[in-house]
Amino acid sequence: MHLSLNSGCGANEHCFVILVSDDVDALFNSFRDRGLSAPIRPNSPAQVGPFDQSWGTREFYVNDPNGNTLIFQQR
């Protein structure tokens, strides 16, 4: 797990957490099977499903009810 320590993480700001997985595609599918409805943000592939980042990881993002982002990452 990687916790964000950005200066933007305050009482009213949003933060992110990176959770490492061996298979983000299978994890994403299991979340969808249990009812996950990933929101779609304009110009962002991250909210739709797993995708390959330019730095070599495969990721998908889910926002919690408070607007914080959970990043599921396969290295």
PDB file of N, CA and C in Angstrom:
ATOM      1  N   MET A   1       0.847  -1.166   0.000  1.00  0.00           N
ATOM      2  CA  MET A   1       0.000   0.000   0.000  1.00  0.00           C
ATOM      3  C   MET A   1       0.896   1.233   0.000  1.00  0.00           C
ATOM      4  N   HIS A   2       0.508   2.229  -0.780  1.00  0.00           N
ATOM      5  CA  HIS A   2       1.215   3.505  -0.864  1.00  0.00           C
ATOM      6  C   HIS A   2       0.207   4.591  -0.515  1.00  0.00           C
ATOM      7  N   LEU A   3       0.476   5.386   0.502  1.00  0.00           N
ATOM      8  CA  LEU A   3      -0.403   6.486   0.883  1.00  0.00           C
ATOM      9  C   LEU A   3       0.137   7.789   0.340  1.00  0.00           C
ATOM     10  N   SER A   4      -0.718   8.627  -0.199  1.00  0.00           N
ATOM     11  CA  SER A   4      -0.320   9.935  -0.697  1.00  0.00           C
ATOM     12  C   SER A   4       0.011  10.858   0.467  1.00  0.00           C
ATOM     13  N   LEU A   5       1.105  11.584   0.355  1.00  0.00           N
ATOM     14  CA  LEU A   5       1.475  12.583   1.352  1.00  0.00           C
ATOM     15  C   LEU A   5       1.525  13.968   0.721  1.00  0.00           C
ATOM     16  N   ASN A   6       0.753  14.173  -0.328  1.00  0.00           N
ATOM     17  CA  ASN A   6       0.723  15.463  -1.008  1.00  0.00           C
ATOM     18  C   ASN A   6       0.169  16.542  -0.101  1.00  0.00           C
ATOM     19  N   SER A   7       0.597  17.777  -0.313  1.00  0.00           N
ATOM     20  CA  SER A   7       0.123  18.892   0.514  1.00  0.00           C
ATOM     21  C   SER A   7      -1.372  19.128   0.339  1.00  0.00           C
ATOM     22  N   GLY A   8      -1.976  18.626  -0.721  1.00  0.00           N
ATOM     23  CA  GLY A   8      -3.402  18.796  -0.958  1.00  0.00           C
ATOM     24  C   GLY A   8      -4.276  17.921  -0.081  1.00  0.00           C
ATOM     25  N   CYS A   9      -3.687  17.026   0.684  1.00  0.00           N
ATOM     26  CA  CYS A   9      -4.457  16.128   1.543  1.00  0.00           C
ATOM     27  C   CYS A   9      -4.683  16.784   2.891  1.00  0.00           C
ATOM     28  N   GLY A  10      -5.761  17.484   2.998  1.00  0.00           N
ATOM     29  CA  GLY A  10      -6.116  18.125   4.253  1.00  0.00           C
ATOM     30  C   GLY A  10      -7.525  17.754   4.638  1.00  0.00           C
ATOM     31  N   ALA A  11      -8.084  18.469   5.586  1.00  0.00           N
ATOM     32  CA  ALA A  11      -9.412  18.144   6.106  1.00  0.00           C
ATOM     33  C   ALA A  11     -10.483  18.162   5.010  1.00  0.00           C
ATOM     34  N   ASN A  12     -10.366  19.083   4.051  1.00  0.00           N
ATOM     35  CA  ASN A  12     -11.382  19.190   3.007  1.00  0.00           C
ATOM     36  C   ASN A  12     -10.847  18.835   1.624  1.00  0.00           C
ATOM     37  N   GLU A  13      -9.654  18.263   1.571  1.00  0.00           N
ATOM     38  CA  GLU A  13      -9.047  17.901   0.297  1.00  0.00           C
ATOM     39  C   GLU A  13      -9.165  16.393   0.103  1.00  0.00           C
ATOM     40  N   HIS A  14      -8.955  15.941  -1.118  1.00  0.00           N
ATOM     41  CA  HIS A  14      -9.039  14.520  -1.429  1.00  0.00           C
ATOM     42  C   HIS A  14      -7.640  13.928  -1.527  1.00  0.00           C
ATOM     43  N   CYS A  15      -7.512  12.693  -1.147  1.00  0.00           N
ATOM     44  CA  CYS A  15      -6.232  11.989  -1.154  1.00  0.00           C
ATOM     45  C   CYS A  15      -6.344  10.727  -1.998  1.00  0.00           C
ATOM     46  N   PHE A  16      -5.218  10.011  -2.120  1.00  0.00           N
ATOM     47  CA  PHE A  16      -5.274   8.748  -2.835  1.00  0.00           C
ATOM     48  C   PHE A  16      -4.431   7.707  -2.121  1.00  0.00           C
ATOM     49  N   VAL A  17      -4.788   6.457  -2.372  1.00  0.00           N
ATOM     50  CA  VAL A  17      -4.080   5.296  -1.844  1.00  0.00           C
ATOM     51  C   VAL A  17      -3.823   4.369  -3.019  1.00  0.00           C
ATOM     52  N   ILE A  18      -2.609   3.825  -3.104  1.00  0.00           N
ATOM     53  CA  ILE A  18      -2.307   2.825  -4.133  1.00  0.00           C
ATOM     54  C   ILE A  18      -2.244   1.459  -3.453  1.00  0.00           C
ATOM     55  N   LEU A  19      -3.025   0.530  -3.985  1.00  0.00           N
ATOM     56  CA  LEU A  19      -3.040  -0.846  -3.495  1.00  0.00           C
ATOM     57  C   LEU A  19      -2.504  -1.741  -4.606  1.00  0.00           C
ATOM     58  N   VAL A  20      -1.460  -2.499  -4.326  1.00  0.00           N
ATOM     59  CA  VAL A  20      -0.819  -3.335  -5.332  1.00  0.00           C
ATOM     60  C   VAL A  20      -1.510  -4.691  -5.402  1.00  0.00           C
ATOM     61  N   SER A  21      -1.754  -5.143  -6.626  1.00  0.00           N
ATOM     62  CA  SER A  21      -2.426  -6.418  -6.879  1.00  0.00           C
ATOM     63  C   SER A  21      -1.629  -7.211  -7.913  1.00  0.00           C
ATOM     64  N   ASP A  22      -1.732  -8.533  -7.846  1.00  0.00           N
ATOM     65  CA  ASP A  22      -1.079  -9.378  -8.849  1.00  0.00           C
ATOM     66  C   ASP A  22      -1.844  -9.418 -10.165  1.00  0.00           C
ATOM     67  N   ASP A  23      -3.157  -9.132 -10.134  1.00  0.00           N
ATOM     68  CA  ASP A  23      -3.982  -9.226 -11.337  1.00  0.00           C
ATOM     69  C   ASP A  23      -5.125  -8.211 -11.245  1.00  0.00           C
ATOM     70  N   VAL A  24      -4.883  -6.988 -11.696  1.00  0.00           N
ATOM     71  CA  VAL A  24      -5.907  -5.942 -11.586  1.00  0.00           C
ATOM     72  C   VAL A  24      -7.114  -6.216 -12.475  1.00  0.00           C
ATOM     73  N   ASP A  25      -6.922  -6.923 -13.582  1.00  0.00           N
ATOM     74  CA  ASP A  25      -8.064  -7.236 -14.451  1.00  0.00           C
ATOM     75  C   ASP A  25      -9.053  -8.147 -13.728  1.00  0.00           C
ATOM     76  N   ALA A  26      -8.545  -9.195 -13.092  1.00  0.00           N
ATOM     77  CA  ALA A  26      -9.413 -10.107 -12.346  1.00  0.00           C
ATOM     78  C   ALA A  26     -10.054  -9.390 -11.159  1.00  0.00           C
ATOM     79  N   LEU A  27      -9.292  -8.537 -10.489  1.00  0.00           N
ATOM     80  CA  LEU A  27      -9.826  -7.787  -9.354  1.00  0.00           C
ATOM     81  C   LEU A  27     -10.945  -6.851  -9.809  1.00  0.00           C
ATOM     82  N   PHE A  28     -10.720  -6.127 -10.911  1.00  0.00           N
ATOM     83  CA  PHE A  28     -11.736  -5.226 -11.439  1.00  0.00           C
ATOM     84  C   PHE A  28     -13.001  -5.998 -11.804  1.00  0.00           C
ATOM     85  N   ASN A  29     -12.832  -7.138 -12.474  1.00  0.00           N
ATOM     86  CA  ASN A  29     -13.995  -7.949 -12.858  1.00  0.00           C
ATOM     87  C   ASN A  29     -14.750  -8.455 -11.638  1.00  0.00           C
ATOM     88  N   SER A  30     -14.035  -8.822 -10.588  1.00  0.00           N
ATOM     89  CA  SER A  30     -14.722  -9.280  -9.367  1.00  0.00           C
ATOM     90  C   SER A  30     -15.492  -8.139  -8.720  1.00  0.00           C
ATOM     91  N   PHE A  31     -14.947  -6.920  -8.770  1.00  0.00           N
ATOM     92  CA  PHE A  31     -15.666  -5.754  -8.243  1.00  0.00           C
ATOM     93  C   PHE A  31     -16.917  -5.484  -9.067  1.00  0.00           C
ATOM     94  N   ARG A  32     -16.798  -5.572 -10.407  1.00  0.00           N
ATOM     95  CA  ARG A  32     -17.952  -5.347 -11.285  1.00  0.00           C
ATOM     96  C   ARG A  32     -19.022  -6.410 -11.049  1.00  0.00           C
ATOM     97  N   ASP A  33     -18.598  -7.660 -10.845  1.00  0.00           N
ATOM     98  CA  ASP A  33     -19.548  -8.749 -10.575  1.00  0.00           C
ATOM     99  C   ASP A  33     -20.324  -8.519  -9.279  1.00  0.00           C
ATOM    100  N   ARG A  34     -19.702  -7.784  -8.348  1.00  0.00           N
ATOM    101  CA  ARG A  34     -20.365  -7.504  -7.069  1.00  0.00           C
ATOM    102  C   ARG A  34     -21.092  -6.155  -7.074  1.00  0.00           C
ATOM    103  N   GLY A  35     -21.185  -5.512  -8.255  1.00  0.00           N
ATOM    104  CA  GLY A  35     -21.995  -4.315  -8.366  1.00  0.00           C
ATOM    105  C   GLY A  35     -21.264  -2.997  -8.492  1.00  0.00           C
ATOM    106  N   LEU A  36     -19.932  -3.016  -8.636  1.00  0.00           N
ATOM    107  CA  LEU A  36     -19.203  -1.760  -8.812  1.00  0.00           C
ATOM    108  C   LEU A  36     -19.666  -1.071 -10.080  1.00  0.00           C
ATOM    109  N   SER A  37     -20.001   0.171  -9.955  1.00  0.00           N
ATOM    110  CA  SER A  37     -20.333   0.991 -11.105  1.00  0.00           C
ATOM    111  C   SER A  37     -19.283   2.088 -11.157  1.00  0.00           C
ATOM    112  N   ALA A  38     -18.238   1.856 -11.929  1.00  0.00           N
ATOM    113  CA  ALA A  38     -17.145   2.811 -12.005  1.00  0.00           C
ATOM    114  C   ALA A  38     -17.599   4.065 -12.735  1.00  0.00           C
ATOM    115  N   PRO A  39     -17.487   5.230 -12.092  1.00  0.00           N
ATOM    116  CA  PRO A  39     -17.884   6.473 -12.769  1.00  0.00           C
ATOM    117  C   PRO A  39     -16.925   6.788 -13.906  1.00  0.00           C
ATOM    118  N   ILE A  40     -17.436   7.430 -14.906  1.00  0.00           N
ATOM    119  CA  ILE A  40     -16.600   7.806 -16.044  1.00  0.00           C
ATOM    120  C   ILE A  40     -16.335   9.306 -15.975  1.00  0.00           C
ATOM    121  N   ARG A  41     -15.065   9.669 -15.881  1.00  0.00           N
ATOM    122  CA  ARG A  41     -14.672  11.071 -15.890  1.00  0.00           C
ATOM    123  C   ARG A  41     -14.240  11.445 -17.297  1.00  0.00           C
ATOM    124  N   PRO A  42     -14.646  12.598 -17.763  1.00  0.00           N
ATOM    125  CA  PRO A  42     -14.229  13.020 -19.107  1.00  0.00           C
ATOM    126  C   PRO A  42     -12.704  13.007 -19.235  1.00  0.00           C
ATOM    127  N   ASN A  43     -12.217  12.499 -20.341  1.00  0.00           N
ATOM    128  CA  ASN A  43     -10.788  12.458 -20.664  1.00  0.00           C
ATOM    129  C   ASN A  43      -9.965  11.600 -19.711  1.00  0.00           C
ATOM    130  N   SER A  44     -10.570  10.656 -19.012  1.00  0.00           N
ATOM    131  CA  SER A  44      -9.827   9.802 -18.088  1.00  0.00           C
ATOM    132  C   SER A  44     -10.166   8.334 -18.317  1.00  0.00           C
ATOM    133  N   PRO A  45      -9.188   7.552 -18.812  1.00  0.00           N
ATOM    134  CA  PRO A  45      -9.439   6.126 -18.976  1.00  0.00           C
ATOM    135  C   PRO A  45      -9.443   5.390 -17.633  1.00  0.00           C
ATOM    136  N   ALA A  46      -8.930   6.027 -16.589  1.00  0.00           N
ATOM    137  CA  ALA A  46      -8.743   5.363 -15.300  1.00  0.00           C
ATOM    138  C   ALA A  46     -10.039   4.925 -14.657  1.00  0.00           C
ATOM    139  N   GLN A  47     -11.115   5.622 -14.871  1.00  0.00           N
ATOM    140  CA  GLN A  47     -12.380   5.318 -14.223  1.00  0.00           C
ATOM    141  C   GLN A  47     -13.177   4.241 -14.950  1.00  0.00           C
ATOM    142  N   VAL A  48     -12.757   3.875 -16.156  1.00  0.00           N
ATOM    143  CA  VAL A  48     -13.515   2.934 -16.972  1.00  0.00           C
ATOM    144  C   VAL A  48     -13.127   1.488 -16.688  1.00  0.00           C
ATOM    145  N   GLY A  49     -11.869   1.234 -16.464  1.00  0.00           N
ATOM    146  CA  GLY A  49     -11.379  -0.111 -16.215  1.00  0.00           C
ATOM    147  C   GLY A  49      -9.863  -0.126 -16.267  1.00  0.00           C
ATOM    148  N   PRO A  50      -9.252  -1.287 -16.099  1.00  0.00           N
ATOM    149  CA  PRO A  50      -7.792  -1.362 -16.107  1.00  0.00           C
ATOM    150  C   PRO A  50      -7.196  -0.845 -17.418  1.00  0.00           C
ATOM    151  N   PHE A  51      -6.083  -0.154 -17.285  1.00  0.00           N
ATOM    152  CA  PHE A  51      -5.375   0.370 -18.451  1.00  0.00           C
ATOM    153  C   PHE A  51      -3.889   0.395 -18.136  1.00  0.00           C
ATOM    154  N   ASP A  52      -3.067   0.464 -19.168  1.00  0.00           N
ATOM    155  CA  ASP A  52      -1.613   0.475 -19.012  1.00  0.00           C
ATOM    156  C   ASP A  52      -1.120   1.916 -18.930  1.00  0.00           C
ATOM    157  N   GLN A  53      -0.378   2.203 -17.861  1.00  0.00           N
ATOM    158  CA  GLN A  53       0.228   3.517 -17.695  1.00  0.00           C
ATOM    159  C   GLN A  53       1.532   3.574 -18.485  1.00  0.00           C
ATOM    160  N   SER A  54       1.976   4.778 -18.835  1.00  0.00           N
ATOM    161  CA  SER A  54       3.211   4.937 -19.601  1.00  0.00           C
ATOM    162  C   SER A  54       4.444   4.527 -18.791  1.00  0.00           C
ATOM    163  N   TRP A  55       4.341   4.467 -17.466  1.00  0.00           N
ATOM    164  CA  TRP A  55       5.493   4.092 -16.632  1.00  0.00           C
ATOM    165  C   TRP A  55       5.529   2.597 -16.308  1.00  0.00           C
ATOM    166  N   GLY A  56       4.669   1.803 -16.980  1.00  0.00           N
ATOM    167  CA  GLY A  56       4.783   0.357 -16.902  1.00  0.00           C
ATOM    168  C   GLY A  56       3.870  -0.364 -15.928  1.00  0.00           C
ATOM    169  N   THR A  57       2.954   0.331 -15.302  1.00  0.00           N
ATOM    170  CA  THR A  57       2.001  -0.350 -14.425  1.00  0.00           C
ATOM    171  C   THR A  57       0.650  -0.472 -15.121  1.00  0.00           C
ATOM    172  N   ARG A  58      -0.160  -1.385 -14.634  1.00  0.00           N
ATOM    173  CA  ARG A  58      -1.544  -1.523 -15.101  1.00  0.00           C
ATOM    174  C   ARG A  58      -2.410  -1.135 -13.924  1.00  0.00           C
ATOM    175  N   GLU A  59      -3.408  -0.261 -14.126  1.00  0.00           N
ATOM    176  CA  GLU A  59      -4.156   0.325 -13.022  1.00  0.00           C
ATOM    177  C   GLU A  59      -5.630   0.485 -13.339  1.00  0.00           C
ATOM    178  N   PHE A  60      -6.432   0.568 -12.266  1.00  0.00           N
ATOM    179  CA  PHE A  60      -7.781   1.120 -12.361  1.00  0.00           C
ATOM    180  C   PHE A  60      -8.042   1.899 -11.086  1.00  0.00           C
ATOM    181  N   TYR A  61      -8.949   2.870 -11.186  1.00  0.00           N
ATOM    182  CA  TYR A  61      -9.223   3.779 -10.081  1.00  0.00           C
ATOM    183  C   TYR A  61     -10.678   3.648  -9.649  1.00  0.00           C
ATOM    184  N   VAL A  62     -10.905   3.773  -8.349  1.00  0.00           N
ATOM    185  CA  VAL A  62     -12.244   3.792  -7.787  1.00  0.00           C
ATOM    186  C   VAL A  62     -12.276   4.927  -6.763  1.00  0.00           C
ATOM    187  N   ASN A  63     -13.321   5.717  -6.779  1.00  0.00           N
ATOM    188  CA  ASN A  63     -13.468   6.785  -5.790  1.00  0.00           C
ATOM    189  C   ASN A  63     -14.343   6.319  -4.639  1.00  0.00           C
ATOM    190  N   ASP A  64     -13.928   6.649  -3.406  1.00  0.00           N
ATOM    191  CA  ASP A  64     -14.766   6.317  -2.249  1.00  0.00           C
ATOM    192  C   ASP A  64     -15.851   7.379  -2.114  1.00  0.00           C
ATOM    193  N   PRO A  65     -16.816   7.189  -1.222  1.00  0.00           N
ATOM    194  CA  PRO A  65     -17.919   8.148  -1.086  1.00  0.00           C
ATOM    195  C   PRO A  65     -17.479   9.569  -0.725  1.00  0.00           C
ATOM    196  N   ASN A  66     -16.278   9.735  -0.167  1.00  0.00           N
ATOM    197  CA  ASN A  66     -15.784  11.068   0.187  1.00  0.00           C
ATOM    198  C   ASN A  66     -14.970  11.713  -0.921  1.00  0.00           C
ATOM    199  N   GLY A  67     -14.823  11.025  -2.056  1.00  0.00           N
ATOM    200  CA  GLY A  67     -14.095  11.582  -3.188  1.00  0.00           C
ATOM    201  C   GLY A  67     -12.622  11.238  -3.209  1.00  0.00           C
ATOM    202  N   ASN A  68     -12.137  10.448  -2.251  1.00  0.00           N
ATOM    203  CA  ASN A  68     -10.750   9.998  -2.287  1.00  0.00           C
ATOM    204  C   ASN A  68     -10.624   8.890  -3.322  1.00  0.00           C
ATOM    205  N   THR A  69      -9.448   8.753  -3.890  1.00  0.00           N
ATOM    206  CA  THR A  69      -9.227   7.794  -4.958  1.00  0.00           C
ATOM    207  C   THR A  69      -8.436   6.593  -4.469  1.00  0.00           C
ATOM    208  N   LEU A  70      -8.954   5.401  -4.761  1.00  0.00           N
ATOM    209  CA  LEU A  70      -8.245   4.155  -4.527  1.00  0.00           C
ATOM    210  C   LEU A  70      -7.678   3.712  -5.867  1.00  0.00           C
ATOM    211  N   ILE A  71      -6.381   3.571  -5.948  1.00  0.00           N
ATOM    212  CA  ILE A  71      -5.724   3.150  -7.185  1.00  0.00           C
ATOM    213  C   ILE A  71      -5.281   1.707  -6.986  1.00  0.00           C
ATOM    214  N   PHE A  72      -5.800   0.808  -7.800  1.00  0.00           N
ATOM    215  CA  PHE A  72      -5.396  -0.588  -7.769  1.00  0.00           C
ATOM    216  C   PHE A  72      -4.376  -0.771  -8.882  1.00  0.00           C
ATOM    217  N   GLN A  73      -3.173  -1.220  -8.518  1.00  0.00           N
ATOM    218  CA  GLN A  73      -2.040  -1.211  -9.438  1.00  0.00           C
ATOM    219  C   GLN A  73      -1.370  -2.575  -9.508  1.00  0.00           C
ATOM    220  N   GLN A  74      -1.042  -2.957 -10.735  1.00  0.00           N
ATOM    221  CA  GLN A  74      -0.259  -4.167 -10.991  1.00  0.00           C
ATOM    222  C   GLN A  74       1.069  -3.734 -11.560  1.00  0.00           C
ATOM    223  N   ARG A  75       2.139  -4.171 -10.930  1.00  0.00           N
ATOM    224  CA  ARG A  75       3.472  -3.744 -11.392  1.00  0.00           C
ATOM    225  C   ARG A  75       4.094  -4.757 -12.300  1.00  0.00           C
TER     226      ARG A  75
END
